[in-house]
Amino acid sequence: MHKIFIQSQFQSIFNRLYLALIQLFLMMLPLILVPMLMDEPFKDLSFIIYGLFIGIAVITLWLMVFNSGKSKLIGHGLKFDDDGIVYMNYGSNKTIKWGDFKGFVVKNNFPRIVVLSSDDENNIEFSYYTFGSNQRREIFDYLELK
């Protein structure tokens, strides 16, 4: 079976926001806790928060505007063909041959990660929200049959 799943523009923005908010939380946690433990308030916390949000917004808008037309890169995609599984990440491909495929697991870490395992430890990992719920369901159903 030849099947390809390509991340939608909405899912790209949602996934980028999801990952960015987790990174922001993980970066902000020490910035909040350390001053509390030292009894000294951190004065420029809002500047850092606004800067991170602006940075995320600029990157997202840049991808929306310039990653279009004939030269558009596939942001994230997953392709099943006769040879195996190919994960596409902005022009960079990673492949697991069907003979090396050991299965998949969803790690409920922070953030949630999907890991496609390979015998040669050349695993493919991507965010759980890289693909929409319907695409995820199809991907997981197909991989369970393999």
N, C-alpha and C. Protein backbone atom coordinates (compact mmCIF):
# COMPACT_ATOMS: atom_id res chain seq x y z
N MET A 1 0.84 -1.19 0.00
CA MET A 1 0.00 0.00 0.00
C MET A 1 0.88 1.25 0.00
N HIS A 2 0.54 2.16 -0.84
CA HIS A 2 1.22 3.45 -0.87
C HIS A 2 0.29 4.47 -0.24
N LYS A 3 0.72 5.06 0.84
CA LYS A 3 -0.11 6.04 1.54
C LYS A 3 0.81 7.14 2.06
N ILE A 4 0.36 8.39 1.92
CA ILE A 4 1.14 9.51 2.41
C ILE A 4 0.25 10.40 3.28
N PHE A 5 0.80 10.83 4.38
CA PHE A 5 0.11 11.74 5.29
C PHE A 5 0.95 13.01 5.37
N ILE A 6 0.31 14.14 5.08
CA ILE A 6 1.01 15.42 5.10
C ILE A 6 0.34 16.32 6.13
N GLN A 7 1.17 16.95 6.93
CA GLN A 7 0.67 17.84 7.98
C GLN A 7 -0.03 19.04 7.35
N SER A 8 -1.22 19.34 7.83
CA SER A 8 -1.96 20.50 7.33
C SER A 8 -1.38 21.78 7.92
N GLN A 9 -1.70 22.90 7.31
CA GLN A 9 -1.23 24.20 7.79
C GLN A 9 -1.74 24.46 9.22
N PHE A 10 -3.01 24.16 9.47
CA PHE A 10 -3.57 24.34 10.81
C PHE A 10 -2.84 23.46 11.82
N GLN A 11 -2.61 22.19 11.45
CA GLN A 11 -1.95 21.27 12.37
C GLN A 11 -0.51 21.70 12.63
N SER A 12 0.12 22.28 11.63
CA SER A 12 1.48 22.80 11.80
C SER A 12 1.49 23.91 12.86
N ILE A 13 0.55 24.83 12.74
CA ILE A 13 0.47 25.93 13.70
C ILE A 13 0.12 25.40 15.08
N PHE A 14 -0.86 24.49 15.16
CA PHE A 14 -1.26 23.92 16.44
C PHE A 14 -0.10 23.19 17.11
N ASN A 15 0.61 22.35 16.34
CA ASN A 15 1.73 21.59 16.89
C ASN A 15 2.86 22.52 17.32
N ARG A 16 3.14 23.52 16.51
CA ARG A 16 4.20 24.48 16.85
C ARG A 16 3.84 25.23 18.15
N LEU A 17 2.59 25.61 18.28
CA LEU A 17 2.14 26.30 19.49
C LEU A 17 2.21 25.37 20.70
N TYR A 18 1.77 24.13 20.52
CA TYR A 18 1.82 23.13 21.59
C TYR A 18 3.25 22.94 22.09
N LEU A 19 4.19 22.72 21.16
CA LEU A 19 5.59 22.50 21.54
C LEU A 19 6.21 23.76 22.13
N ALA A 20 5.86 24.91 21.58
CA ALA A 20 6.42 26.17 22.08
C ALA A 20 5.93 26.48 23.49
N LEU A 21 4.67 26.22 23.75
CA LEU A 21 4.14 26.47 25.10
C LEU A 21 4.80 25.55 26.13
N ILE A 22 5.06 24.32 25.75
CA ILE A 22 5.76 23.41 26.67
C ILE A 22 7.18 23.90 26.91
N GLN A 23 7.86 24.30 25.84
CA GLN A 23 9.22 24.83 25.99
C GLN A 23 9.22 26.11 26.83
N LEU A 24 8.24 26.95 26.59
CA LEU A 24 8.12 28.19 27.36
C LEU A 24 7.91 27.87 28.84
N PHE A 25 7.03 26.92 29.12
CA PHE A 25 6.79 26.53 30.51
C PHE A 25 8.06 26.01 31.16
N LEU A 26 8.77 25.13 30.43
CA LEU A 26 9.99 24.55 30.99
C LEU A 26 11.09 25.61 31.19
N MET A 27 11.10 26.62 30.33
CA MET A 27 12.09 27.70 30.48
C MET A 27 11.67 28.66 31.59
N MET A 28 10.38 28.88 31.74
CA MET A 28 9.89 29.85 32.72
C MET A 28 9.93 29.30 34.14
N LEU A 29 9.79 28.00 34.29
CA LEU A 29 9.75 27.40 35.60
C LEU A 29 10.96 27.78 36.46
N PRO A 30 12.19 27.62 35.96
CA PRO A 30 13.33 28.06 36.79
C PRO A 30 13.38 29.58 36.97
N LEU A 31 12.93 30.33 35.96
CA LEU A 31 12.95 31.79 36.08
C LEU A 31 11.97 32.27 37.15
N ILE A 32 10.95 31.48 37.43
CA ILE A 32 9.98 31.84 38.47
C ILE A 32 10.42 31.29 39.82
N LEU A 33 10.90 30.05 39.83
CA LEU A 33 11.24 29.40 41.10
C LEU A 33 12.52 29.93 41.74
N VAL A 34 13.54 30.18 40.95
CA VAL A 34 14.82 30.64 41.51
C VAL A 34 14.66 31.97 42.25
N PRO A 35 14.05 32.99 41.66
CA PRO A 35 13.88 34.23 42.43
C PRO A 35 13.02 34.05 43.68
N MET A 36 12.04 33.14 43.63
CA MET A 36 11.21 32.90 44.81
C MET A 36 12.05 32.27 45.92
N LEU A 37 12.93 31.38 45.55
CA LEU A 37 13.78 30.72 46.54
C LEU A 37 14.84 31.67 47.10
N MET A 38 15.23 32.64 46.31
CA MET A 38 16.26 33.59 46.74
C MET A 38 15.66 34.88 47.31
N ASP A 39 14.34 34.97 47.36
CA ASP A 39 13.64 36.16 47.86
C ASP A 39 13.98 37.43 47.10
N GLU A 40 14.29 37.30 45.83
CA GLU A 40 14.55 38.46 44.97
C GLU A 40 13.66 38.34 43.74
N PRO A 41 12.76 39.29 43.51
CA PRO A 41 11.88 39.20 42.34
C PRO A 41 12.66 39.39 41.04
N PHE A 42 12.21 38.70 40.01
CA PHE A 42 12.80 38.83 38.68
C PHE A 42 12.06 39.94 37.95
N LYS A 43 12.76 41.00 37.60
CA LYS A 43 12.11 42.22 37.10
C LYS A 43 11.69 42.15 35.64
N ASP A 44 12.44 41.49 34.80
CA ASP A 44 12.18 41.52 33.36
C ASP A 44 11.53 40.24 32.85
N LEU A 45 10.73 39.59 33.63
CA LEU A 45 10.08 38.35 33.25
C LEU A 45 9.11 38.57 32.08
N SER A 46 8.34 39.63 32.13
CA SER A 46 7.37 39.89 31.05
C SER A 46 8.08 40.15 29.73
N PHE A 47 9.24 40.78 29.76
CA PHE A 47 10.01 41.02 28.53
C PHE A 47 10.40 39.70 27.87
N ILE A 48 10.83 38.73 28.68
CA ILE A 48 11.22 37.43 28.15
C ILE A 48 10.01 36.70 27.58
N ILE A 49 8.91 36.74 28.28
CA ILE A 49 7.69 36.06 27.81
C ILE A 49 7.22 36.65 26.49
N TYR A 50 7.14 37.97 26.41
CA TYR A 50 6.71 38.61 25.16
C TYR A 50 7.69 38.32 24.03
N GLY A 51 8.95 38.33 24.32
CA GLY A 51 9.96 38.04 23.30
C GLY A 51 9.83 36.64 22.73
N LEU A 52 9.57 35.67 23.59
CA LEU A 52 9.39 34.30 23.12
C LEU A 52 8.14 34.15 22.27
N PHE A 53 7.03 34.76 22.71
CA PHE A 53 5.80 34.70 21.91
C PHE A 53 5.97 35.39 20.56
N ILE A 54 6.64 36.51 20.52
CA ILE A 54 6.88 37.21 19.26
C ILE A 54 7.75 36.36 18.34
N GLY A 55 8.77 35.73 18.91
CA GLY A 55 9.64 34.86 18.11
C GLY A 55 8.87 33.70 17.50
N ILE A 56 8.02 33.06 18.28
CA ILE A 56 7.21 31.94 17.79
C ILE A 56 6.27 32.43 16.68
N ALA A 57 5.64 33.58 16.90
CA ALA A 57 4.71 34.13 15.91
C ALA A 57 5.42 34.48 14.61
N VAL A 58 6.60 35.06 14.69
CA VAL A 58 7.35 35.44 13.48
C VAL A 58 7.73 34.21 12.67
N ILE A 59 8.21 33.17 13.33
CA ILE A 59 8.59 31.94 12.62
C ILE A 59 7.37 31.31 11.96
N THR A 60 6.27 31.25 12.68
CA THR A 60 5.04 30.66 12.13
C THR A 60 4.54 31.46 10.93
N LEU A 61 4.51 32.78 11.04
CA LEU A 61 4.06 33.61 9.91
C LEU A 61 5.01 33.49 8.73
N TRP A 62 6.29 33.42 9.00
CA TRP A 62 7.27 33.28 7.91
C TRP A 62 7.01 31.98 7.15
N LEU A 63 6.78 30.89 7.87
CA LEU A 63 6.50 29.61 7.21
C LEU A 63 5.20 29.65 6.44
N MET A 64 4.19 30.35 6.97
CA MET A 64 2.90 30.43 6.29
C MET A 64 3.02 31.22 4.98
N VAL A 65 3.82 32.28 5.00
CA VAL A 65 3.93 33.15 3.82
C VAL A 65 4.90 32.60 2.79
N PHE A 66 6.07 32.18 3.23
CA PHE A 66 7.12 31.82 2.28
C PHE A 66 7.18 30.34 1.92
N ASN A 67 6.58 29.49 2.71
CA ASN A 67 6.58 28.06 2.37
C ASN A 67 5.30 27.74 1.62
N SER A 68 5.21 28.26 0.40
CA SER A 68 4.02 28.05 -0.41
C SER A 68 4.42 27.99 -1.88
N GLY A 69 3.45 27.68 -2.72
CA GLY A 69 3.70 27.65 -4.16
C GLY A 69 4.47 26.41 -4.59
N LYS A 70 5.17 26.53 -5.72
CA LYS A 70 5.89 25.40 -6.29
C LYS A 70 7.06 24.95 -5.42
N SER A 71 7.68 25.87 -4.72
CA SER A 71 8.86 25.53 -3.92
C SER A 71 8.51 25.10 -2.49
N LYS A 72 7.24 24.86 -2.25
CA LYS A 72 6.81 24.51 -0.89
C LYS A 72 7.43 23.19 -0.43
N LEU A 73 8.00 23.22 0.74
CA LEU A 73 8.52 22.02 1.37
C LEU A 73 7.41 21.36 2.17
N ILE A 74 7.47 20.04 2.24
CA ILE A 74 6.55 19.35 3.13
C ILE A 74 7.09 19.53 4.53
N GLY A 75 6.33 20.21 5.37
CA GLY A 75 6.78 20.45 6.74
C GLY A 75 7.02 19.13 7.45
N HIS A 76 5.98 18.36 7.60
CA HIS A 76 6.08 17.04 8.20
C HIS A 76 5.18 16.12 7.41
N GLY A 77 5.69 14.96 7.08
CA GLY A 77 4.90 13.98 6.35
C GLY A 77 5.35 12.58 6.70
N LEU A 78 4.46 11.64 6.50
CA LEU A 78 4.76 10.24 6.76
C LEU A 78 4.26 9.46 5.56
N LYS A 79 5.16 8.67 4.97
CA LYS A 79 4.81 7.92 3.77
C LYS A 79 5.04 6.44 4.01
N PHE A 80 4.03 5.64 3.66
CA PHE A 80 4.15 4.19 3.69
C PHE A 80 4.22 3.71 2.26
N ASP A 81 5.25 2.96 1.92
CA ASP A 81 5.33 2.37 0.59
C ASP A 81 5.81 0.93 0.72
N ASP A 82 6.13 0.30 -0.39
CA ASP A 82 6.53 -1.11 -0.37
C ASP A 82 7.83 -1.34 0.38
N ASP A 83 8.71 -0.33 0.39
CA ASP A 83 10.02 -0.48 1.04
C ASP A 83 9.96 -0.27 2.55
N GLY A 84 9.11 0.65 3.00
CA GLY A 84 9.05 0.92 4.42
C GLY A 84 8.34 2.22 4.74
N ILE A 85 8.80 2.86 5.82
CA ILE A 85 8.20 4.09 6.32
C ILE A 85 9.21 5.21 6.09
N VAL A 86 8.72 6.32 5.53
CA VAL A 86 9.57 7.49 5.33
C VAL A 86 8.95 8.66 6.08
N TYR A 87 9.73 9.27 6.98
CA TYR A 87 9.28 10.46 7.69
C TYR A 87 9.96 11.66 7.07
N MET A 88 9.17 12.63 6.60
CA MET A 88 9.68 13.83 5.95
C MET A 88 9.60 15.00 6.91
N ASN A 89 10.70 15.71 7.05
CA ASN A 89 10.76 16.85 7.96
C ASN A 89 11.48 17.99 7.25
N TYR A 90 10.72 18.86 6.59
CA TYR A 90 11.24 20.01 5.85
C TYR A 90 12.41 19.63 4.95
N GLY A 91 12.20 18.63 4.10
CA GLY A 91 13.20 18.26 3.11
C GLY A 91 14.17 17.19 3.58
N SER A 92 14.17 16.88 4.84
CA SER A 92 15.05 15.85 5.39
C SER A 92 14.22 14.58 5.62
N ASN A 93 14.65 13.47 5.04
CA ASN A 93 13.90 12.23 5.15
C ASN A 93 14.62 11.22 6.04
N LYS A 94 13.83 10.47 6.79
CA LYS A 94 14.35 9.39 7.61
C LYS A 94 13.51 8.15 7.29
N THR A 95 14.17 7.01 7.06
CA THR A 95 13.48 5.82 6.58
C THR A 95 13.70 4.64 7.52
N ILE A 96 12.64 3.86 7.69
CA ILE A 96 12.72 2.56 8.36
C ILE A 96 12.19 1.53 7.36
N LYS A 97 13.01 0.56 7.03
CA LYS A 97 12.56 -0.51 6.13
C LYS A 97 11.61 -1.42 6.91
N TRP A 98 10.64 -2.01 6.19
CA TRP A 98 9.65 -2.85 6.86
C TRP A 98 10.31 -4.00 7.61
N GLY A 99 11.40 -4.54 7.09
CA GLY A 99 12.10 -5.63 7.76
C GLY A 99 12.71 -5.22 9.09
N ASP A 100 13.01 -3.93 9.24
CA ASP A 100 13.61 -3.41 10.48
C ASP A 100 12.59 -2.82 11.44
N PHE A 101 11.34 -2.69 11.01
CA PHE A 101 10.32 -2.06 11.83
C PHE A 101 9.90 -2.97 12.97
N LYS A 102 10.01 -2.47 14.21
CA LYS A 102 9.67 -3.27 15.40
C LYS A 102 8.31 -2.89 15.99
N GLY A 103 7.77 -1.76 15.62
CA GLY A 103 6.49 -1.32 16.18
C GLY A 103 6.55 0.15 16.54
N PHE A 104 5.50 0.60 17.19
CA PHE A 104 5.44 2.00 17.58
C PHE A 104 4.90 2.11 18.99
N VAL A 105 5.20 3.24 19.60
CA VAL A 105 4.71 3.52 20.95
C VAL A 105 4.46 5.02 21.05
N VAL A 106 3.43 5.37 21.82
CA VAL A 106 3.16 6.77 22.13
C VAL A 106 3.65 7.01 23.55
N LYS A 107 4.68 7.83 23.67
CA LYS A 107 5.22 8.16 24.99
C LYS A 107 4.46 9.36 25.53
N ASN A 108 3.82 9.17 26.68
CA ASN A 108 3.04 10.24 27.28
C ASN A 108 3.93 11.13 28.14
N ASN A 109 5.01 11.57 27.55
CA ASN A 109 5.92 12.50 28.21
C ASN A 109 5.34 13.90 28.12
N PHE A 110 6.15 14.83 28.41
CA PHE A 110 5.79 16.25 28.30
C PHE A 110 6.80 16.89 27.38
N PRO A 111 6.59 16.92 26.09
CA PRO A 111 5.41 16.69 25.24
C PRO A 111 5.24 15.21 24.87
N ARG A 112 4.03 14.90 24.40
CA ARG A 112 3.74 13.54 23.93
C ARG A 112 4.51 13.30 22.64
N ILE A 113 5.10 12.11 22.54
CA ILE A 113 5.94 11.77 21.39
C ILE A 113 5.50 10.42 20.82
N VAL A 114 5.51 10.31 19.50
CA VAL A 114 5.29 9.03 18.83
C VAL A 114 6.66 8.52 18.40
N VAL A 115 6.97 7.28 18.73
CA VAL A 115 8.25 6.68 18.37
C VAL A 115 7.96 5.45 17.51
N LEU A 116 8.50 5.48 16.29
CA LEU A 116 8.45 4.32 15.41
C LEU A 116 9.80 3.62 15.56
N SER A 117 9.78 2.41 16.13
CA SER A 117 11.02 1.72 16.50
C SER A 117 11.57 0.90 15.34
N SER A 118 12.90 0.85 15.31
CA SER A 118 13.62 0.13 14.27
C SER A 118 14.65 -0.80 14.91
N ASP A 119 14.90 -1.93 14.27
CA ASP A 119 15.92 -2.87 14.78
C ASP A 119 17.30 -2.24 14.86
N ASP A 120 17.59 -1.36 13.92
CA ASP A 120 18.93 -0.76 13.88
C ASP A 120 19.02 0.54 14.69
N GLU A 121 18.07 0.74 15.61
CA GLU A 121 18.04 1.93 16.49
C GLU A 121 17.95 3.25 15.71
N ASN A 122 17.53 3.20 14.48
CA ASN A 122 17.32 4.38 13.66
C ASN A 122 15.85 4.78 13.78
N ASN A 123 15.40 5.02 15.02
CA ASN A 123 14.00 5.30 15.31
C ASN A 123 13.55 6.63 14.72
N ILE A 124 12.28 6.70 14.41
CA ILE A 124 11.66 7.94 13.96
C ILE A 124 10.82 8.46 15.11
N GLU A 125 11.02 9.72 15.49
CA GLU A 125 10.26 10.34 16.57
C GLU A 125 9.63 11.64 16.07
N PHE A 126 8.38 11.85 16.44
CA PHE A 126 7.72 13.11 16.13
C PHE A 126 6.66 13.38 17.18
N SER A 127 6.27 14.63 17.26
CA SER A 127 5.26 15.05 18.23
C SER A 127 3.93 14.35 17.96
N TYR A 128 3.23 14.00 19.00
CA TYR A 128 1.92 13.36 18.89
C TYR A 128 0.97 14.21 18.05
N TYR A 129 1.07 15.52 18.16
CA TYR A 129 0.15 16.42 17.46
C TYR A 129 0.68 16.88 16.11
N THR A 130 1.69 16.20 15.58
CA THR A 130 2.19 16.53 14.25
C THR A 130 1.10 16.33 13.21
N PHE A 131 0.30 15.30 13.40
CA PHE A 131 -0.79 15.00 12.48
C PHE A 131 -2.12 15.12 13.21
N GLY A 132 -3.16 15.44 12.47
CA GLY A 132 -4.49 15.58 13.04
C GLY A 132 -5.03 14.26 13.56
N SER A 133 -6.11 14.31 14.32
CA SER A 133 -6.64 13.10 14.97
C SER A 133 -7.05 12.03 13.96
N ASN A 134 -7.67 12.41 12.85
CA ASN A 134 -8.06 11.42 11.83
C ASN A 134 -6.83 10.78 11.20
N GLN A 135 -5.82 11.60 10.90
CA GLN A 135 -4.59 11.06 10.33
C GLN A 135 -3.89 10.13 11.33
N ARG A 136 -3.82 10.56 12.60
CA ARG A 136 -3.20 9.71 13.63
C ARG A 136 -3.88 8.36 13.73
N ARG A 137 -5.21 8.38 13.72
CA ARG A 137 -5.97 7.14 13.82
C ARG A 137 -5.63 6.21 12.65
N GLU A 138 -5.58 6.76 11.43
CA GLU A 138 -5.24 5.96 10.25
C GLU A 138 -3.81 5.43 10.35
N ILE A 139 -2.89 6.29 10.77
CA ILE A 139 -1.48 5.88 10.90
C ILE A 139 -1.35 4.76 11.91
N PHE A 140 -1.94 4.93 13.09
CA PHE A 140 -1.83 3.92 14.14
C PHE A 140 -2.51 2.62 13.72
N ASP A 141 -3.67 2.71 13.07
CA ASP A 141 -4.36 1.50 12.61
C ASP A 141 -3.49 0.75 11.61
N TYR A 142 -2.88 1.47 10.68
CA TYR A 142 -2.04 0.84 9.67
C TYR A 142 -0.81 0.20 10.30
N LEU A 143 -0.17 0.92 11.23
CA LEU A 143 1.03 0.39 11.86
C LEU A 143 0.75 -0.81 12.75
N GLU A 144 -0.44 -0.89 13.33
CA GLU A 144 -0.79 -2.04 14.16
C GLU A 144 -0.90 -3.31 13.33
N LEU A 145 -1.22 -3.16 12.04
CA LEU A 145 -1.32 -4.31 11.15
C LEU A 145 0.05 -4.83 10.72
N LYS A 146 1.07 -4.01 10.82
CA LYS A 146 2.41 -4.40 10.36
C LYS A 146 3.14 -5.19 11.36
